[in-house]
Amino acid sequence: MKVTLLPSSISGTIQAIASKSFAHRQLICSSLADRETEIVCSNLSDDIRATMGCLVSLGAYADYLDGSVIVTPIASIPPEALLDCGESGSTYRFLVPLAAALGVRARFLLRGRLPERPMWPMWENLEGHGMSISGMGKSEVTLSGRLSGGSFILPGDVSSQFISGLLMAMPLIRGEKRIEIKDKVESAGYINMTIDVLRSFGIKVRKEGNAITMSEGEKFSSPGVTVTEGDWSNSAFWLCGAAASGQEVTCRGLNMDSSQGDAAIAGILRDMGADVECSGSSVRVKAAGLKGIEIDAGDIPDLVPAIALAACTAEGVTRITNAGRLRVKESDRLFTVADTLRKLGADIEEGEDSLSVTGGRRLAGGSVDSHGDHRIVMMAAIASLLSEDSITIEGAGAVNKSYPGFFEDFASLGAEVRKEQP
């Protein structure tokens, strides 16, 4: 799909979409619970559909009806399963340890850049606890065996998803259940999110320093109804777009006490000089003369595209550091952020694990490619608010990975959007 966005301005109020990070975890816990669970979830993205499909292949039942996912838990574990993860890293990294703990001989189908994304910490731990794996690094990976208990040692600076995946599988494992996290823990908020969701399903988790343990006999107990909270990662594009373009936008449905690390965007924009007001479940942002600052992206890598965009109009230099993990996302996202914004007229430099943006000016506009990355699509689209000329995005359908209704919501705020279907 090709989309052209004309220079425009936005204002008004937008409802935050459901957090896919929460939804993945709620779906998995629901599939292991003692009874049916209703997950109130305002929208389904491609990634969430991938997790739902895989859980159905493992024996659960999931149906989306009137804004809720109804999940019937696994009653009979299949001996074999084919799990199509699409391009969803969360689906893959969460369901690998789950299938292993269930003892299912599982074939994982991986698309896009998913086969290239790091998995070695998971493979080392699974092979050390009874699993056989073939096809590592390829588009089809097969697991066999049953995961045994013990101590799992995982790095904290590669992906928190390894830790979250094992945490959700731990109640199914017999014997000792201990995760030791070595090195600096990055994206710690996502680990806390997993623990929060597990606790909402009755699982007791103990966390002391960099060690996480669980007692024998823990069982998933459905809360009956659970609500997926609003997504800060995608809301950041609306907030950064308003701050950078001198407009005013309010995002509703956000939890101010969320374990989502990307809730940090409100404070970051405030540090950059934006007028930010948080009230109840709403965040209102309007520009008040942005200035460049230094930002450590270690815990908030998904915010980098939105922050880099806002930095384009900020006076001075904005430096984003500790962002090396972006090189193994849906695209090499450090490169694609820099390449896309540079093509649109930004003054941006790419380092090994950093970006530097010299701001204080509007963008020119032009044509860019999505690189198959949903966050590049959203960044390029919001750039039209800062642009002198129109912006055309090739491969804009990649946005469906996390935000299928993005362009409709953008238009509802006042943007001029022209879609061309292939």
Protein backbone atom coordinates (compact mmCIF):
# COMPACT_ATOMS: atom_id res chain seq x y z
CA MET A 1 0.00 0.00 0.00
CA LYS A 2 1.23 3.50 -0.88
CA VAL A 3 0.08 6.47 1.20
CA THR A 4 0.59 10.16 0.49
CA LEU A 5 0.22 12.72 3.25
CA LEU A 6 -0.20 16.39 2.49
CA PRO A 7 1.24 19.07 4.76
CA SER A 8 -1.37 19.58 7.45
CA SER A 9 -1.98 20.25 11.12
CA ILE A 10 -3.76 18.20 13.75
CA SER A 11 -5.69 18.92 16.91
CA GLY A 12 -8.25 17.24 19.11
CA THR A 13 -8.56 14.12 21.21
CA ILE A 14 -7.64 10.55 20.33
CA GLN A 15 -8.28 7.30 22.21
CA ALA A 16 -5.15 5.24 22.83
CA ILE A 17 -5.27 1.83 21.17
CA ALA A 18 -4.85 -1.29 23.29
CA SER A 19 -1.29 -2.17 24.27
CA LYS A 20 -0.17 -5.19 22.27
CA SER A 21 2.52 -5.81 24.90
CA PHE A 22 -0.17 -6.34 27.52
CA ALA A 23 -2.44 -8.24 25.14
CA HIS A 24 0.22 -10.84 24.26
CA ARG A 25 0.72 -11.62 27.94
CA GLN A 26 -2.99 -11.67 28.76
CA LEU A 27 -3.72 -14.05 25.88
CA ILE A 28 -1.01 -16.49 26.95
CA CYS A 29 -2.05 -16.49 30.61
CA SER A 30 -5.72 -16.90 29.60
CA SER A 31 -4.87 -19.93 27.49
CA LEU A 32 -3.33 -21.61 30.57
CA ALA A 33 -6.02 -20.62 33.07
CA ASP A 34 -8.67 -22.71 34.82
CA ARG A 35 -11.66 -21.26 32.97
CA GLU A 36 -12.73 -18.89 30.21
CA THR A 37 -11.36 -15.34 30.24
CA GLU A 38 -12.70 -12.21 28.58
CA ILE A 39 -9.97 -9.77 27.53
CA VAL A 40 -11.40 -6.33 26.83
CA CYS A 41 -9.17 -5.19 23.97
CA SER A 42 -10.21 -2.33 21.72
CA ASN A 43 -8.33 -3.50 18.62
CA LEU A 44 -6.36 -6.38 17.12
CA SER A 45 -3.06 -5.89 15.28
CA ASP A 46 -1.27 -8.42 13.06
CA ASP A 47 1.04 -9.33 15.96
CA ILE A 48 -1.85 -10.03 18.32
CA ARG A 49 -3.61 -12.12 15.68
CA ALA A 50 -0.38 -14.12 15.31
CA THR A 51 -0.32 -14.91 19.04
CA MET A 52 -4.02 -15.84 19.00
CA GLY A 53 -3.48 -18.19 16.05
CA CYS A 54 -0.53 -19.89 17.69
CA LEU A 55 -2.40 -20.42 20.96
CA VAL A 56 -5.27 -21.99 19.01
CA SER A 57 -2.73 -24.35 17.40
CA LEU A 58 -1.62 -25.30 20.93
CA GLY A 59 -5.17 -26.23 21.90
CA ALA A 60 -6.79 -23.03 23.18
CA TYR A 61 -9.76 -21.28 21.60
CA ALA A 62 -9.87 -17.52 21.01
CA ASP A 63 -12.57 -15.44 19.39
CA TYR A 64 -12.83 -11.66 18.98
CA LEU A 65 -16.31 -10.28 19.48
CA ASP A 66 -17.54 -6.73 20.18
CA GLY A 67 -14.20 -5.41 21.41
CA SER A 68 -13.26 -8.42 23.54
CA VAL A 69 -11.23 -11.58 23.03
CA ILE A 70 -12.90 -14.61 24.60
CA VAL A 71 -10.27 -17.23 25.44
CA THR A 72 -11.08 -20.83 26.31
CA PRO A 73 -7.97 -22.40 27.87
CA ILE A 74 -6.06 -25.40 26.56
CA ALA A 75 -7.88 -28.58 27.54
CA SER A 76 -5.92 -31.13 25.53
CA ILE A 77 -2.27 -30.57 24.62
CA PRO A 78 -1.52 -31.62 21.03
CA PRO A 79 1.57 -33.78 20.43
CA GLU A 80 2.59 -31.54 17.51
CA ALA A 81 1.77 -27.99 16.43
CA LEU A 82 2.55 -25.62 13.58
CA LEU A 83 2.95 -22.08 14.93
CA ASP A 84 2.96 -19.23 12.41
CA CYS A 85 4.51 -16.23 14.20
CA GLY A 86 4.34 -13.88 11.21
CA GLU A 87 6.84 -11.12 11.96
CA SER A 88 6.02 -10.92 15.67
CA GLY A 89 9.08 -11.16 17.90
CA SER A 90 6.92 -11.25 21.02
CA THR A 91 4.88 -14.17 19.69
CA TYR A 92 8.03 -16.12 18.85
CA ARG A 93 10.02 -15.42 22.01
CA PHE A 94 7.04 -15.94 24.31
CA LEU A 95 5.73 -19.14 22.75
CA VAL A 96 9.05 -20.97 22.31
CA PRO A 97 9.41 -21.61 26.08
CA LEU A 98 5.66 -22.22 26.41
CA ALA A 99 5.66 -24.94 23.73
CA ALA A 100 8.77 -26.41 25.37
CA ALA A 101 7.12 -26.48 28.81
CA LEU A 102 4.00 -28.11 27.33
CA GLY A 103 6.13 -30.80 25.70
CA VAL A 104 4.75 -30.08 22.23
CA ARG A 105 6.86 -30.84 19.17
CA ALA A 106 6.47 -27.38 17.65
CA ARG A 107 7.36 -26.00 14.23
CA PHE A 108 7.67 -22.22 14.21
CA LEU A 109 7.20 -20.36 10.94
CA LEU A 110 9.01 -17.01 10.85
CA ARG A 111 8.59 -14.20 8.34
CA GLY A 112 10.36 -10.96 7.43
CA ARG A 113 13.48 -10.32 9.52
CA LEU A 114 12.28 -12.49 12.39
CA PRO A 115 14.75 -15.33 11.64
CA GLU A 116 17.59 -12.81 11.99
CA ARG A 117 16.61 -11.51 15.40
CA PRO A 118 18.76 -12.75 18.33
CA MET A 119 17.65 -16.01 19.96
CA TRP A 120 20.93 -17.49 21.18
CA PRO A 121 20.28 -16.83 24.91
CA MET A 122 17.02 -18.76 24.66
CA TRP A 123 18.54 -21.63 22.68
CA GLU A 124 21.42 -22.04 25.17
CA ASN A 125 19.00 -22.26 28.07
CA LEU A 126 16.53 -24.60 26.37
CA GLU A 127 19.23 -26.99 25.18
CA GLY A 128 20.61 -27.04 28.72
CA HIS A 129 17.17 -28.03 30.05
CA GLY A 130 16.14 -30.97 27.88
CA MET A 131 15.19 -29.45 24.53
CA SER A 132 16.35 -30.29 20.99
CA ILE A 133 16.24 -27.49 18.42
CA SER A 134 16.76 -27.50 14.67
CA GLY A 135 16.65 -24.75 12.08
CA MET A 136 18.08 -22.02 14.30
CA GLY A 137 18.40 -18.79 12.31
CA LYS A 138 16.16 -20.08 9.53
CA SER A 139 12.56 -19.37 8.57
CA GLU A 140 11.36 -22.63 10.15
CA VAL A 141 12.52 -23.73 13.59
CA THR A 142 11.55 -27.03 15.23
CA LEU A 143 11.55 -27.78 18.97
CA SER A 144 11.16 -31.19 20.59
CA GLY A 145 11.39 -32.53 24.12
CA ARG A 146 10.04 -31.17 27.40
CA LEU A 147 11.56 -28.30 29.32
CA SER A 148 12.98 -29.31 32.68
CA GLY A 149 13.34 -27.14 35.76
CA GLY A 150 16.43 -25.59 37.21
CA SER A 151 18.24 -22.29 37.01
CA PHE A 152 18.05 -20.27 33.79
CA ILE A 153 20.73 -17.63 33.23
CA LEU A 154 19.82 -14.89 30.77
CA PRO A 155 21.43 -11.61 29.73
CA GLY A 156 19.47 -8.49 30.58
CA ASP A 157 20.79 -6.40 27.70
CA VAL A 158 19.67 -8.41 24.64
CA SER A 159 15.90 -8.70 25.02
CA SER A 160 13.60 -8.72 28.02
CA GLN A 161 11.28 -10.97 25.96
CA PHE A 162 13.43 -14.02 26.80
CA ILE A 163 12.83 -13.41 30.49
CA SER A 164 9.11 -12.73 30.04
CA GLY A 165 8.65 -15.85 27.91
CA LEU A 166 10.28 -18.09 30.50
CA LEU A 167 8.33 -16.43 33.31
CA MET A 168 5.01 -17.30 31.66
CA ALA A 169 6.15 -20.89 31.08
CA MET A 170 7.53 -21.42 34.61
CA PRO A 171 4.28 -22.56 36.29
CA LEU A 172 4.24 -25.52 33.85
CA ILE A 173 7.80 -26.62 34.65
CA ARG A 174 8.52 -29.22 37.31
CA GLY A 175 11.32 -28.72 39.79
CA GLU A 176 13.32 -25.61 40.57
CA LYS A 177 12.15 -22.42 38.86
CA ARG A 178 14.76 -19.69 38.94
CA ILE A 179 15.84 -17.02 36.47
CA GLU A 180 19.10 -15.19 37.02
CA ILE A 181 19.58 -12.03 34.97
CA LYS A 182 23.16 -11.05 34.31
CA ASP A 183 24.49 -7.70 33.14
CA LYS A 184 22.41 -4.53 33.10
CA VAL A 185 18.67 -5.10 32.74
CA GLU A 186 17.25 -3.05 29.87
CA SER A 187 13.51 -2.61 29.20
CA ALA A 188 12.94 -3.64 32.82
CA GLY A 189 9.40 -2.28 32.61
CA TYR A 190 8.39 -5.13 30.33
CA ILE A 191 9.57 -7.70 32.89
CA ASN A 192 7.51 -5.91 35.53
CA MET A 193 4.56 -5.93 33.13
CA THR A 194 4.85 -9.72 32.79
CA ILE A 195 4.97 -10.13 36.56
CA ASP A 196 1.92 -7.85 36.93
CA VAL A 197 -0.09 -9.91 34.42
CA LEU A 198 1.01 -13.20 36.02
CA ARG A 199 -0.11 -11.91 39.43
CA SER A 200 -3.48 -10.92 37.97
CA PHE A 201 -3.85 -14.60 37.03
CA GLY A 202 -2.98 -15.78 40.55
CA ILE A 203 0.70 -16.64 39.99
CA LYS A 204 3.04 -15.67 42.82
CA VAL A 205 6.42 -14.41 41.63
CA ARG A 206 9.35 -13.44 43.83
CA LYS A 207 11.88 -10.92 42.55
CA GLU A 208 14.99 -10.12 44.54
CA GLY A 209 17.63 -8.09 42.78
CA ASN A 210 18.38 -9.81 39.48
CA ALA A 211 16.89 -13.16 40.55
CA ILE A 212 13.30 -14.23 39.91
CA THR A 213 11.86 -17.38 41.48
CA MET A 214 8.58 -19.24 41.63
CA SER A 215 7.37 -21.98 43.95
CA GLU A 216 6.16 -25.42 42.89
CA GLY A 217 2.41 -25.80 42.41
CA GLU A 218 1.58 -22.36 41.03
CA LYS A 219 -1.52 -22.49 38.81
CA PHE A 220 -3.16 -19.94 36.53
CA SER A 221 -6.50 -18.70 37.84
CA SER A 222 -8.61 -16.61 35.48
CA PRO A 223 -9.78 -13.21 36.75
CA GLY A 224 -12.87 -13.70 34.57
CA VAL A 225 -12.56 -10.32 32.86
CA THR A 226 -9.35 -8.37 32.32
CA VAL A 227 -8.80 -5.10 30.47
CA THR A 228 -5.90 -4.34 28.13
CA GLU A 229 -4.61 -0.91 29.00
CA GLY A 230 -3.86 1.83 26.46
CA ASP A 231 -0.62 1.74 24.50
CA TRP A 232 2.01 4.38 25.27
CA SER A 233 4.36 3.38 22.43
CA ASN A 234 1.96 4.24 19.64
CA SER A 235 0.41 7.18 21.50
CA ALA A 236 3.89 8.70 21.57
CA PHE A 237 3.60 9.51 17.87
CA TRP A 238 0.54 11.70 18.46
CA LEU A 239 2.16 13.40 21.43
CA CYS A 240 5.50 13.99 19.70
CA GLY A 241 3.78 15.15 16.53
CA ALA A 242 1.80 17.76 18.45
CA ALA A 243 4.86 18.94 20.38
CA ALA A 244 6.99 19.26 17.25
CA SER A 245 4.40 20.97 15.07
CA GLY A 246 3.03 23.51 17.51
CA GLN A 247 -0.38 21.83 17.75
CA GLU A 248 -2.39 20.53 20.71
CA VAL A 249 -3.47 16.89 21.05
CA THR A 250 -4.92 14.91 23.94
CA CYS A 251 -4.55 11.14 24.22
CA ARG A 252 -7.11 9.36 26.42
CA GLY A 253 -7.07 5.89 27.93
CA LEU A 254 -3.49 5.87 29.24
CA ASN A 255 -2.46 4.52 32.64
CA MET A 256 -0.22 7.05 34.41
CA ASP A 257 1.11 4.29 36.69
CA SER A 258 1.73 1.85 33.86
CA SER A 259 4.59 -0.63 33.85
CA GLN A 260 5.04 0.25 30.17
CA GLY A 261 8.47 1.85 29.95
CA ASP A 262 7.28 4.06 27.11
CA ALA A 263 5.12 6.02 29.54
CA ALA A 264 8.37 7.96 29.92
CA ILE A 265 7.45 9.95 26.80
CA ALA A 266 5.46 12.46 28.87
CA GLY A 267 8.51 13.32 30.96
CA ILE A 268 10.84 13.37 27.94
CA LEU A 269 8.64 15.86 26.09
CA ARG A 270 8.40 17.97 29.23
CA ASP A 271 12.22 17.96 29.46
CA MET A 272 12.37 19.08 25.82
CA GLY A 273 10.19 22.06 26.68
CA ALA A 274 6.72 20.91 25.63
CA ASP A 275 3.65 21.87 27.64
CA VAL A 276 2.50 18.49 29.01
CA GLU A 277 -0.48 17.97 31.28
CA CYS A 278 -1.39 14.56 32.72
CA SER A 279 -4.85 14.27 34.24
CA GLY A 280 -6.66 11.06 35.08
CA SER A 281 -6.12 8.80 32.07
CA SER A 282 -5.40 11.63 29.61
CA VAL A 283 -2.24 13.34 28.42
CA ARG A 284 -2.43 16.72 26.70
CA VAL A 285 0.58 18.05 24.80
CA LYS A 286 1.20 21.30 23.01
CA ALA A 287 4.43 22.90 21.91
CA ALA A 288 6.15 25.62 23.87
CA GLY A 289 9.50 25.85 22.06
CA LEU A 290 11.35 22.53 22.07
CA LYS A 291 15.05 22.25 22.87
CA GLY A 292 17.51 19.43 22.24
CA ILE A 293 18.44 17.12 25.13
CA GLU A 294 20.31 13.84 25.67
CA ILE A 295 18.20 10.70 26.05
CA ASP A 296 19.27 7.19 27.10
CA ALA A 297 17.12 4.79 25.06
CA GLY A 298 18.18 1.62 26.90
CA ASP A 299 14.77 1.14 28.52
CA ILE A 300 12.70 2.83 25.80
CA PRO A 301 13.95 1.70 22.36
CA ASP A 302 10.48 1.82 20.80
CA LEU A 303 10.23 5.55 21.51
CA VAL A 304 13.27 6.41 19.38
CA PRO A 305 11.44 7.05 16.06
CA ALA A 306 8.91 9.39 17.69
CA ILE A 307 11.58 11.22 19.72
CA ALA A 308 13.85 11.60 16.68
CA LEU A 309 10.96 13.17 14.81
CA ALA A 310 10.23 15.64 17.61
CA ALA A 311 13.94 16.50 17.71
CA CYS A 312 13.78 17.76 14.12
CA THR A 313 12.16 21.03 15.25
CA ALA A 314 13.89 21.28 18.64
CA GLU A 315 16.54 24.01 18.90
CA GLY A 316 20.04 22.58 19.25
CA VAL A 317 21.14 18.96 19.22
CA THR A 318 19.19 15.99 20.54
CA ARG A 319 21.39 12.97 21.18
CA ILE A 320 19.80 9.53 21.62
CA THR A 321 22.21 6.97 23.09
CA ASN A 322 22.27 3.29 24.10
CA ALA A 323 20.00 2.36 21.19
CA GLY A 324 21.98 -0.48 19.61
CA ARG A 325 19.15 -3.00 20.05
CA LEU A 326 17.22 -1.11 17.36
CA ARG A 327 19.44 -2.73 14.74
CA VAL A 328 17.58 -6.04 15.16
CA LYS A 329 13.98 -4.85 15.00
CA GLU A 330 11.66 -5.20 11.98
CA SER A 331 14.31 -3.16 10.20
CA ASP A 332 17.75 -1.94 11.22
CA ARG A 333 15.83 0.80 12.93
CA LEU A 334 18.79 3.02 13.76
CA PHE A 335 19.61 3.14 10.05
CA THR A 336 16.02 3.42 8.84
CA VAL A 337 15.13 6.25 11.25
CA ALA A 338 18.20 8.21 10.14
CA ASP A 339 17.78 7.37 6.45
CA THR A 340 14.07 8.20 6.39
CA LEU A 341 14.34 11.51 8.23
CA ARG A 342 17.42 12.51 6.21
CA LYS A 343 15.52 11.90 2.96
CA LEU A 344 12.76 14.15 4.27
CA GLY A 345 15.22 16.94 4.99
CA ALA A 346 16.37 16.38 8.58
CA ASP A 347 19.93 16.96 9.81
CA ILE A 348 20.60 13.62 11.49
CA GLU A 349 23.69 11.50 12.11
CA GLU A 350 23.75 7.78 12.86
CA GLY A 351 26.30 6.30 15.24
CA GLU A 352 26.97 2.68 16.15
CA ASP A 353 24.31 2.79 18.88
CA SER A 354 23.14 6.38 18.75
CA LEU A 355 21.44 9.14 16.78
CA SER A 356 22.17 12.87 16.81
CA VAL A 357 19.56 15.26 15.46
CA THR A 358 20.27 18.94 14.89
CA GLY A 359 16.87 20.57 14.88
CA GLY A 360 15.27 23.95 14.61
CA ARG A 361 13.87 23.68 11.10
CA ARG A 362 10.99 22.22 9.15
CA LEU A 363 11.31 19.23 6.84
CA ALA A 364 11.16 19.35 3.05
CA GLY A 365 9.01 16.30 2.31
CA GLY A 366 9.58 13.61 -0.32
CA SER A 367 9.18 9.86 -0.91
CA VAL A 368 10.37 7.16 1.49
CA ASP A 369 10.07 3.41 1.97
CA SER A 370 8.71 1.77 5.10
CA HIS A 371 11.43 -0.89 5.13
CA GLY A 372 8.64 -3.19 6.34
CA ASP A 373 8.70 -1.46 9.74
CA HIS A 374 5.48 -0.25 11.35
CA ARG A 375 7.22 2.43 13.42
CA ILE A 376 8.97 3.87 10.37
CA VAL A 377 5.55 4.20 8.70
CA MET A 378 4.14 6.13 11.66
CA MET A 379 7.22 8.32 11.99
CA ALA A 380 7.18 9.23 8.29
CA ALA A 381 3.45 9.94 8.38
CA ILE A 382 3.69 12.25 11.41
CA ALA A 383 6.59 14.01 9.66
CA SER A 384 3.98 15.49 7.30
CA LEU A 385 3.03 17.84 10.16
CA LEU A 386 6.53 19.37 9.94
CA SER A 387 6.89 19.28 6.16
CA GLU A 388 6.78 21.94 3.47
CA ASP A 389 5.70 19.42 0.82
CA SER A 390 3.83 16.12 0.72
CA ILE A 391 5.29 12.82 1.95
CA THR A 392 4.71 9.53 0.14
CA ILE A 393 5.30 6.23 1.96
CA GLU A 394 5.78 3.00 -0.02
CA GLY A 395 4.89 -0.19 1.85
CA ALA A 396 2.72 1.70 4.32
CA GLY A 397 0.70 -1.45 5.05
CA ALA A 398 3.46 -2.45 7.48
CA VAL A 399 1.64 -0.27 10.03
CA ASN A 400 -0.90 -3.09 10.47
CA LYS A 401 1.67 -4.93 12.57
CA SER A 402 0.76 -2.78 15.57
CA TYR A 403 -1.79 -0.11 14.55
CA PRO A 404 -4.20 -1.11 11.74
CA GLY A 405 -6.35 2.00 12.18
CA PHE A 406 -3.45 4.47 12.28
CA PHE A 407 -4.22 6.39 9.10
CA GLU A 408 -7.94 6.63 9.93
CA ASP A 409 -7.08 8.01 13.37
CA PHE A 410 -4.58 10.42 11.84
CA ALA A 411 -7.25 11.72 9.45
CA SER A 412 -9.71 12.11 12.34
CA LEU A 413 -7.28 14.60 13.92
CA GLY A 414 -7.14 16.64 10.74
CA ALA A 415 -4.39 15.10 8.61
CA GLU A 416 -4.87 14.83 4.84
CA VAL A 417 -4.31 11.19 3.92
CA ARG A 418 -4.47 9.66 0.45
CA LYS A 419 -4.26 5.87 0.17
CA GLU A 420 -3.42 3.95 -2.98
CA GLN A 421 -4.03 0.22 -2.80
CA PRO A 422 -1.76 -2.02 -4.94
